[in-house]
Amino acid sequence: CQNVIAYLDSQNRYFEYSVDSIYATFLSMPNV
């Protein structure tokens, strides 16, 4: 159970990083 919780936490961090990266790309698109 602890391993599953740690795995879900890591996936959540990856998801948040992906969302932030996509938003940063969206903000930089007018200059590209």
PDB file of all heavy atoms in Angstrom:
ATOM      1  N   CYS A   1       0.825  -1.213   0.000  1.00  0.00           N
ATOM      2  CA  CYS A   1       0.000   0.000   0.000  1.00  0.00           C
ATOM      3  C   CYS A   1       0.861   1.266   0.000  1.00  0.00           C
ATOM      4  O   CYS A   1       0.565   2.240  -0.704  1.00  0.00           O
ATOM      5  CB  CYS A   1      -0.934  -0.004   1.213  1.00  0.00           C
ATOM      6  SG  CYS A   1      -2.197  -1.289   1.182  1.00  0.00           S
ATOM      7  N   GLN A   2       1.922   1.238   0.798  1.00  0.00           N
ATOM      8  CA  GLN A   2       2.826   2.391   0.805  1.00  0.00           C
ATOM      9  C   GLN A   2       3.497   2.571  -0.551  1.00  0.00           C
ATOM     10  O   GLN A   2       3.682   3.704  -1.020  1.00  0.00           O
ATOM     11  CB  GLN A   2       3.877   2.204   1.900  1.00  0.00           C
ATOM     12  CG  GLN A   2       3.314   2.306   3.306  1.00  0.00           C
ATOM     13  CD  GLN A   2       4.390   2.143   4.361  1.00  0.00           C
ATOM     14  OE1 GLN A   2       5.498   1.716   4.069  1.00  0.00           O
ATOM     15  NE2 GLN A   2       4.050   2.471   5.608  1.00  0.00           N
ATOM     16  N   ASN A   3       3.861   1.462  -1.180  1.00  0.00           N
ATOM     17  CA  ASN A   3       4.467   1.559  -2.516  1.00  0.00           C
ATOM     18  C   ASN A   3       3.484   2.117  -3.532  1.00  0.00           C
ATOM     19  O   ASN A   3       3.850   2.921  -4.399  1.00  0.00           O
ATOM     20  CB  ASN A   3       4.963   0.181  -2.967  1.00  0.00           C
ATOM     21  CG  ASN A   3       6.068  -0.354  -2.083  1.00  0.00           C
ATOM     22  OD1 ASN A   3       6.736   0.397  -1.387  1.00  0.00           O
ATOM     23  ND2 ASN A   3       6.275  -1.660  -2.094  1.00  0.00           N
ATOM     24  N   VAL A   4       2.219   1.701  -3.428  1.00  0.00           N
ATOM     25  CA  VAL A   4       1.197   2.228  -4.343  1.00  0.00           C
ATOM     26  C   VAL A   4       0.988   3.721  -4.121  1.00  0.00           C
ATOM     27  O   VAL A   4       0.864   4.504  -5.078  1.00  0.00           O
ATOM     28  CB  VAL A   4      -0.121   1.450  -4.151  1.00  0.00           C
ATOM     29  CG1 VAL A   4      -1.253   2.121  -4.917  1.00  0.00           C
ATOM     30  CG2 VAL A   4       0.045   0.006  -4.611  1.00  0.00           C
ATOM     31  N   ILE A   5       0.943   4.116  -2.848  1.00  0.00           N
ATOM     32  CA  ILE A   5       0.780   5.557  -2.549  1.00  0.00           C
ATOM     33  C   ILE A   5       1.957   6.352  -3.109  1.00  0.00           C
ATOM     34  O   ILE A   5       1.782   7.434  -3.688  1.00  0.00           O
ATOM     35  CB  ILE A   5       0.633   5.752  -1.033  1.00  0.00           C
ATOM     36  CG1 ILE A   5      -0.671   5.129  -0.537  1.00  0.00           C
ATOM     37  CG2 ILE A   5       0.682   7.238  -0.675  1.00  0.00           C
ATOM     38  CD1 ILE A   5      -0.833   5.145   0.978  1.00  0.00           C
ATOM     39  N   ALA A   6       3.166   5.827  -2.934  1.00  0.00           N
ATOM     40  CA  ALA A   6       4.338   6.526  -3.473  1.00  0.00           C
ATOM     41  C   ALA A   6       4.285   6.589  -4.993  1.00  0.00           C
ATOM     42  O   ALA A   6       4.648   7.605  -5.599  1.00  0.00           O
ATOM     43  CB  ALA A   6       5.609   5.817  -3.013  1.00  0.00           C
ATOM     44  N   TYR A   7       3.819   5.517  -5.625  1.00  0.00           N
ATOM     45  CA  TYR A   7       3.702   5.505  -7.088  1.00  0.00           C
ATOM     46  C   TYR A   7       2.677   6.535  -7.565  1.00  0.00           C
ATOM     47  O   TYR A   7       2.924   7.270  -8.535  1.00  0.00           O
ATOM     48  CB  TYR A   7       3.311   4.104  -7.542  1.00  0.00           C
ATOM     49  CG  TYR A   7       3.058   3.994  -9.027  1.00  0.00           C
ATOM     50  CD1 TYR A   7       4.109   3.966  -9.937  1.00  0.00           C
ATOM     51  CD2 TYR A   7       1.756   3.930  -9.518  1.00  0.00           C
ATOM     52  CE1 TYR A   7       3.883   3.869 -11.300  1.00  0.00           C
ATOM     53  CE2 TYR A   7       1.514   3.836 -10.874  1.00  0.00           C
ATOM     54  CZ  TYR A   7       2.571   3.808 -11.765  1.00  0.00           C
ATOM     55  OH  TYR A   7       2.339   3.720 -13.118  1.00  0.00           O
ATOM     56  N   LEU A   8       1.539   6.603  -6.878  1.00  0.00           N
ATOM     57  CA  LEU A   8       0.522   7.588  -7.251  1.00  0.00           C
ATOM     58  C   LEU A   8       1.018   9.014  -7.037  1.00  0.00           C
ATOM     59  O   LEU A   8       0.707   9.914  -7.834  1.00  0.00           O
ATOM     60  CB  LEU A   8      -0.751   7.336  -6.436  1.00  0.00           C
ATOM     61  CG  LEU A   8      -1.475   6.006  -6.727  1.00  0.00           C
ATOM     62  CD1 LEU A   8      -2.680   5.864  -5.802  1.00  0.00           C
ATOM     63  CD2 LEU A   8      -1.906   5.924  -8.181  1.00  0.00           C
ATOM     64  N   ASP A   9       1.786   9.225  -5.952  1.00  0.00           N
ATOM     65  CA  ASP A   9       2.364  10.565  -5.727  1.00  0.00           C
ATOM     66  C   ASP A   9       3.318  10.947  -6.850  1.00  0.00           C
ATOM     67  O   ASP A   9       3.315  12.102  -7.321  1.00  0.00           O
ATOM     68  CB  ASP A   9       3.092  10.596  -4.381  1.00  0.00           C
ATOM     69  CG  ASP A   9       2.122  10.539  -3.209  1.00  0.00           C
ATOM     70  OD1 ASP A   9       0.931  10.867  -3.409  1.00  0.00           O
ATOM     71  OD2 ASP A   9       2.552  10.169  -2.104  1.00  0.00           O
ATOM     72  N   SER A  10       4.137  10.005  -7.283  1.00  0.00           N
ATOM     73  CA  SER A  10       5.071  10.300  -8.377  1.00  0.00           C
ATOM     74  C   SER A  10       4.327  10.579  -9.682  1.00  0.00           C
ATOM     75  O   SER A  10       4.677  11.509 -10.426  1.00  0.00           O
ATOM     76  CB  SER A  10       6.054   9.149  -8.568  1.00  0.00           C
ATOM     77  OG  SER A  10       5.363   7.960  -8.957  1.00  0.00           O
ATOM     78  N   GLN A  11       3.258   9.813  -9.955  1.00  0.00           N
ATOM     79  CA  GLN A  11       2.464  10.066 -11.153  1.00  0.00           C
ATOM     80  C   GLN A  11       1.769  11.422 -11.082  1.00  0.00           C
ATOM     81  O   GLN A  11       1.646  12.120 -12.104  1.00  0.00           O
ATOM     82  CB  GLN A  11       1.429   8.951 -11.333  1.00  0.00           C
ATOM     83  CG  GLN A  11       2.025   7.587 -11.631  1.00  0.00           C
ATOM     84  CD  GLN A  11       2.808   7.576 -12.929  1.00  0.00           C
ATOM     85  OE1 GLN A  11       2.396   8.132 -13.932  1.00  0.00           O
ATOM     86  NE2 GLN A  11       3.974   6.931 -12.893  1.00  0.00           N
ATOM     87  N   ASN A  12       1.343  11.789  -9.889  1.00  0.00           N
ATOM     88  CA  ASN A  12       0.720  13.101  -9.722  1.00  0.00           C
ATOM     89  C   ASN A  12       1.715  14.221  -9.990  1.00  0.00           C
ATOM     90  O   ASN A  12       1.382  15.238 -10.619  1.00  0.00           O
ATOM     91  CB  ASN A  12       0.150  13.215  -8.309  1.00  0.00           C
ATOM     92  CG  ASN A  12      -0.676  14.476  -8.120  1.00  0.00           C
ATOM     93  OD1 ASN A  12      -1.289  14.971  -9.061  1.00  0.00           O
ATOM     94  ND2 ASN A  12      -0.686  15.004  -6.911  1.00  0.00           N
ATOM     95  N   ARG A  13       2.955  14.039  -9.525  1.00  0.00           N
ATOM     96  CA  ARG A  13       3.990  15.045  -9.799  1.00  0.00           C
ATOM     97  C   ARG A  13       4.278  15.129 -11.289  1.00  0.00           C
ATOM     98  O   ARG A  13       4.451  16.224 -11.833  1.00  0.00           O
ATOM     99  CB  ARG A  13       5.261  14.715  -9.021  1.00  0.00           C
ATOM    100  CG  ARG A  13       5.146  14.938  -7.517  1.00  0.00           C
ATOM    101  CD  ARG A  13       6.521  14.907  -6.863  1.00  0.00           C
ATOM    102  NE  ARG A  13       7.163  13.607  -7.047  1.00  0.00           N
ATOM    103  CZ  ARG A  13       7.046  12.594  -6.201  1.00  0.00           C
ATOM    104  NH1 ARG A  13       6.298  12.718  -5.114  1.00  0.00           N
ATOM    105  NH2 ARG A  13       7.678  11.456  -6.426  1.00  0.00           N
ATOM    106  N   TYR A  14       4.343  13.975 -11.962  1.00  0.00           N
ATOM    107  CA  TYR A  14       4.561  13.985 -13.408  1.00  0.00           C
ATOM    108  C   TYR A  14       3.410  14.693 -14.128  1.00  0.00           C
ATOM    109  O   TYR A  14       3.630  15.450 -15.087  1.00  0.00           O
ATOM    110  CB  TYR A  14       4.691  12.553 -13.932  1.00  0.00           C
ATOM    111  CG  TYR A  14       5.950  11.844 -13.484  1.00  0.00           C
ATOM    112  CD1 TYR A  14       5.972  10.469 -13.279  1.00  0.00           C
ATOM    113  CD2 TYR A  14       7.117  12.562 -13.234  1.00  0.00           C
ATOM    114  CE1 TYR A  14       7.126   9.820 -12.856  1.00  0.00           C
ATOM    115  CE2 TYR A  14       8.278  11.925 -12.813  1.00  0.00           C
ATOM    116  CZ  TYR A  14       8.270  10.559 -12.616  1.00  0.00           C
ATOM    117  OH  TYR A  14       9.406   9.931 -12.200  1.00  0.00           O
ATOM    118  N   PHE A  15       2.191  14.452 -13.667  1.00  0.00           N
ATOM    119  CA  PHE A  15       1.041  15.090 -14.286  1.00  0.00           C
ATOM    120  C   PHE A  15       1.089  16.609 -14.097  1.00  0.00           C
ATOM    121  O   PHE A  15       0.838  17.382 -15.042  1.00  0.00           O
ATOM    122  CB  PHE A  15      -0.245  14.515 -13.683  1.00  0.00           C
ATOM    123  CG  PHE A  15      -1.503  15.135 -14.236  1.00  0.00           C
ATOM    124  CD1 PHE A  15      -1.970  14.792 -15.488  1.00  0.00           C
ATOM    125  CD2 PHE A  15      -2.211  16.066 -13.481  1.00  0.00           C
ATOM    126  CE1 PHE A  15      -3.122  15.372 -16.002  1.00  0.00           C
ATOM    127  CE2 PHE A  15      -3.363  16.643 -13.984  1.00  0.00           C
ATOM    128  CZ  PHE A  15      -3.820  16.301 -15.249  1.00  0.00           C
ATOM    129  N   GLU A  16       1.407  17.050 -12.888  1.00  0.00           N
ATOM    130  CA  GLU A  16       1.503  18.493 -12.638  1.00  0.00           C
ATOM    131  C   GLU A  16       2.625  19.115 -13.474  1.00  0.00           C
ATOM    132  O   GLU A  16       2.470  20.225 -14.008  1.00  0.00           O
ATOM    133  CB  GLU A  16       1.749  18.739 -11.152  1.00  0.00           C
ATOM    134  CG  GLU A  16       0.568  18.377 -10.263  1.00  0.00           C
ATOM    135  CD  GLU A  16       0.869  18.587  -8.797  1.00  0.00           C
ATOM    136  OE1 GLU A  16       2.053  18.909  -8.487  1.00  0.00           O
ATOM    137  OE2 GLU A  16      -0.050  18.441  -7.964  1.00  0.00           O
ATOM    138  N   TYR A  17       3.744  18.405 -13.583  1.00  0.00           N
ATOM    139  CA  TYR A  17       4.848  18.928 -14.405  1.00  0.00           C
ATOM    140  C   TYR A  17       4.436  19.019 -15.874  1.00  0.00           C
ATOM    141  O   TYR A  17       4.776  19.989 -16.572  1.00  0.00           O
ATOM    142  CB  TYR A  17       6.062  18.009 -14.248  1.00  0.00           C
ATOM    143  CG  TYR A  17       7.233  18.392 -15.128  1.00  0.00           C
ATOM    144  CD1 TYR A  17       8.040  19.478 -14.816  1.00  0.00           C
ATOM    145  CD2 TYR A  17       7.514  17.665 -16.284  1.00  0.00           C
ATOM    146  CE1 TYR A  17       9.103  19.837 -15.623  1.00  0.00           C
ATOM    147  CE2 TYR A  17       8.569  18.013 -17.103  1.00  0.00           C
ATOM    148  CZ  TYR A  17       9.365  19.094 -16.772  1.00  0.00           C
ATOM    149  OH  TYR A  17      10.406  19.438 -17.590  1.00  0.00           O
ATOM    150  N   SER A  18       3.682  18.027 -16.353  1.00  0.00           N
ATOM    151  CA  SER A  18       3.225  18.056 -17.750  1.00  0.00           C
ATOM    152  C   SER A  18       2.275  19.219 -17.993  1.00  0.00           C
ATOM    153  O   SER A  18       2.368  19.924 -19.004  1.00  0.00           O
ATOM    154  CB  SER A  18       2.550  16.729 -18.104  1.00  0.00           C
ATOM    155  OG  SER A  18       3.432  15.642 -17.934  1.00  0.00           O
ATOM    156  N   VAL A  19       1.353  19.432 -17.035  1.00  0.00           N
ATOM    157  CA  VAL A  19       0.409  20.546 -17.174  1.00  0.00           C
ATOM    158  C   VAL A  19       1.148  21.880 -17.169  1.00  0.00           C
ATOM    159  O   VAL A  19       0.871  22.770 -17.994  1.00  0.00           O
ATOM    160  CB  VAL A  19      -0.639  20.482 -16.048  1.00  0.00           C
ATOM    161  CG1 VAL A  19      -1.506  21.737 -16.061  1.00  0.00           C
ATOM    162  CG2 VAL A  19      -1.515  19.239 -16.202  1.00  0.00           C
ATOM    163  N   ASP A  20       2.106  22.036 -16.271  1.00  0.00           N
ATOM    164  CA  ASP A  20       2.880  23.283 -16.221  1.00  0.00           C
ATOM    165  C   ASP A  20       3.688  23.483 -17.497  1.00  0.00           C
ATOM    166  O   ASP A  20       3.796  24.609 -18.014  1.00  0.00           O
ATOM    167  CB  ASP A  20       3.812  23.279 -15.004  1.00  0.00           C
ATOM    168  CG  ASP A  20       3.041  23.289 -13.687  1.00  0.00           C
ATOM    169  OD1 ASP A  20       1.866  23.701 -13.702  1.00  0.00           O
ATOM    170  OD2 ASP A  20       3.622  22.871 -12.666  1.00  0.00           O
ATOM    171  N   SER A  21       4.250  22.411 -18.028  1.00  0.00           N
ATOM    172  CA  SER A  21       5.041  22.521 -19.264  1.00  0.00           C
ATOM    173  C   SER A  21       4.151  22.900 -20.439  1.00  0.00           C
ATOM    174  O   SER A  21       4.525  23.734 -21.276  1.00  0.00           O
ATOM    175  CB  SER A  21       5.764  21.207 -19.536  1.00  0.00           C
ATOM    176  OG  SER A  21       6.648  20.879 -18.485  1.00  0.00           O
ATOM    177  N   ILE A  22       2.968  22.296 -20.511  1.00  0.00           N
ATOM    178  CA  ILE A  22       2.047  22.628 -21.609  1.00  0.00           C
ATOM    179  C   ILE A  22       1.596  24.082 -21.499  1.00  0.00           C
ATOM    180  O   ILE A  22       1.520  24.804 -22.513  1.00  0.00           O
ATOM    181  CB  ILE A  22       0.847  21.669 -21.592  1.00  0.00           C
ATOM    182  CG1 ILE A  22       1.300  20.240 -21.931  1.00  0.00           C
ATOM    183  CG2 ILE A  22      -0.221  22.118 -22.578  1.00  0.00           C
ATOM    184  CD1 ILE A  22       0.221  19.203 -21.794  1.00  0.00           C
ATOM    185  N   TYR A  23       1.332  24.537 -20.296  1.00  0.00           N
ATOM    186  CA  TYR A  23       0.917  25.934 -20.114  1.00  0.00           C
ATOM    187  C   TYR A  23       2.055  26.890 -20.468  1.00  0.00           C
ATOM    188  O   TYR A  23       1.825  27.941 -21.092  1.00  0.00           O
ATOM    189  CB  TYR A  23       0.455  26.144 -18.684  1.00  0.00           C
ATOM    190  CG  TYR A  23      -0.091  27.535 -18.431  1.00  0.00           C
ATOM    191  CD1 TYR A  23      -1.293  27.948 -18.998  1.00  0.00           C
ATOM    192  CD2 TYR A  23       0.613  28.441 -17.648  1.00  0.00           C
ATOM    193  CE1 TYR A  23      -1.792  29.221 -18.773  1.00  0.00           C
ATOM    194  CE2 TYR A  23       0.127  29.713 -17.424  1.00  0.00           C
ATOM    195  CZ  TYR A  23      -1.079  30.099 -17.984  1.00  0.00           C
ATOM    196  OH  TYR A  23      -1.560  31.372 -17.774  1.00  0.00           O
ATOM    197  N   ALA A  24       3.292  26.536 -20.082  1.00  0.00           N
ATOM    198  CA  ALA A  24       4.440  27.388 -20.443  1.00  0.00           C
ATOM    199  C   ALA A  24       4.618  27.423 -21.958  1.00  0.00           C
ATOM    200  O   ALA A  24       4.935  28.480 -22.536  1.00  0.00           O
ATOM    201  CB  ALA A  24       5.702  26.865 -19.765  1.00  0.00           C
ATOM    202  N   THR A  25       4.402  26.298 -22.613  1.00  0.00           N
ATOM    203  CA  THR A  25       4.482  26.273 -24.078  1.00  0.00           C
ATOM    204  C   THR A  25       3.393  27.134 -24.695  1.00  0.00           C
ATOM    205  O   THR A  25       3.622  27.848 -25.683  1.00  0.00           O
ATOM    206  CB  THR A  25       4.365  24.828 -24.579  1.00  0.00           C
ATOM    207  OG1 THR A  25       5.378  24.026 -23.955  1.00  0.00           O
ATOM    208  CG2 THR A  25       4.531  24.765 -26.086  1.00  0.00           C
ATOM    209  N   PHE A  26       2.193  27.100 -24.112  1.00  0.00           N
ATOM    210  CA  PHE A  26       1.097  27.937 -24.599  1.00  0.00           C
ATOM    211  C   PHE A  26       1.431  29.420 -24.476  1.00  0.00           C
ATOM    212  O   PHE A  26       1.139  30.219 -25.373  1.00  0.00           O
ATOM    213  CB  PHE A  26      -0.176  27.602 -23.832  1.00  0.00           C
ATOM    214  CG  PHE A  26      -1.286  28.596 -24.026  1.00  0.00           C
ATOM    215  CD1 PHE A  26      -1.996  28.637 -25.214  1.00  0.00           C
ATOM    216  CD2 PHE A  26      -1.604  29.502 -23.023  1.00  0.00           C
ATOM    217  CE1 PHE A  26      -3.013  29.566 -25.399  1.00  0.00           C
ATOM    218  CE2 PHE A  26      -2.617  30.425 -23.196  1.00  0.00           C
ATOM    219  CZ  PHE A  26      -3.326  30.459 -24.393  1.00  0.00           C
ATOM    220  N   LEU A  27       2.069  29.802 -23.364  1.00  0.00           N
ATOM    221  CA  LEU A  27       2.426  31.211 -23.179  1.00  0.00           C
ATOM    222  C   LEU A  27       3.513  31.661 -24.149  1.00  0.00           C
ATOM    223  O   LEU A  27       3.567  32.829 -24.537  1.00  0.00           O
ATOM    224  CB  LEU A  27       2.886  31.444 -21.732  1.00  0.00           C
ATOM    225  CG  LEU A  27       1.830  31.266 -20.641  1.00  0.00           C
ATOM    226  CD1 LEU A  27       2.448  31.499 -19.270  1.00  0.00           C
ATOM    227  CD2 LEU A  27       0.640  32.193 -20.860  1.00  0.00           C
ATOM    228  N   SER A  28       4.395  30.743 -24.548  1.00  0.00           N
ATOM    229  CA  SER A  28       5.487  31.111 -25.456  1.00  0.00           C
ATOM    230  C   SER A  28       5.117  30.993 -26.928  1.00  0.00           C
ATOM    231  O   SER A  28       5.908  31.392 -27.777  1.00  0.00           O
ATOM    232  CB  SER A  28       6.708  30.223 -25.177  1.00  0.00           C
ATOM    233  OG  SER A  28       6.403  28.848 -25.428  1.00  0.00           O
ATOM    234  N   MET A  29       3.946  30.455 -27.248  1.00  0.00           N
ATOM    235  CA  MET A  29       3.569  30.269 -28.649  1.00  0.00           C
ATOM    236  C   MET A  29       3.406  31.569 -29.428  1.00  0.00           C
ATOM    237  O   MET A  29       3.745  31.611 -30.613  1.00  0.00           O
ATOM    238  CB  MET A  29       2.279  29.447 -28.734  1.00  0.00           C
ATOM    239  CG  MET A  29       2.465  27.977 -28.440  1.00  0.00           C
ATOM    240  SD  MET A  29       3.706  27.215 -29.521  1.00  0.00           S
ATOM    241  CE  MET A  29       2.868  27.346 -31.099  1.00  0.00           C
ATOM    242  N   PRO A  30       2.861  32.673 -28.846  1.00  0.00           N
ATOM    243  CA  PRO A  30       2.758  33.904 -29.651  1.00  0.00           C
ATOM    244  C   PRO A  30       4.087  34.404 -30.177  1.00  0.00           C
ATOM    245  O   PRO A  30       4.128  35.097 -31.201  1.00  0.00           O
ATOM    246  CB  PRO A  30       2.131  34.906 -28.657  1.00  0.00           C
ATOM    247  CG  PRO A  30       1.387  34.059 -27.692  1.00  0.00           C
ATOM    248  CD  PRO A  30       2.206  32.809 -27.539  1.00  0.00           C
ATOM    249  N   ASN A  31       5.200  34.094 -29.491  1.00  0.00           N
ATOM    250  CA  ASN A  31       6.515  34.536 -29.954  1.00  0.00           C
ATOM    251  C   ASN A  31       7.161  33.550 -30.910  1.00  0.00           C
ATOM    252  O   ASN A  31       8.238  33.833 -31.442  1.00  0.00           O
ATOM    253  CB  ASN A  31       7.438  34.754 -28.752  1.00  0.00           C
ATOM    254  CG  ASN A  31       6.915  35.820 -27.821  1.00  0.00           C
ATOM    255  OD1 ASN A  31       6.302  36.791 -28.253  1.00  0.00           O
ATOM    256  ND2 ASN A  31       7.137  35.655 -26.516  1.00  0.00           N
ATOM    257  N   VAL A  32       6.541  32.405 -31.119  1.00  0.00           N
ATOM    258  CA  VAL A  32       7.108  31.387 -32.010  1.00  0.00           C
ATOM    259  C   VAL A  32       6.181  31.286 -33.215  1.00  0.00           C
ATOM    260  O   VAL A  32       5.129  30.633 -33.151  1.00  0.00           O
ATOM    261  CB  VAL A  32       7.238  30.030 -31.289  1.00  0.00           C
ATOM    262  CG1 VAL A  32       7.839  28.996 -32.213  1.00  0.00           C
ATOM    263  CG2 VAL A  32       8.086  30.172 -30.031  1.00  0.00           C
TER     264      VAL A  32
END
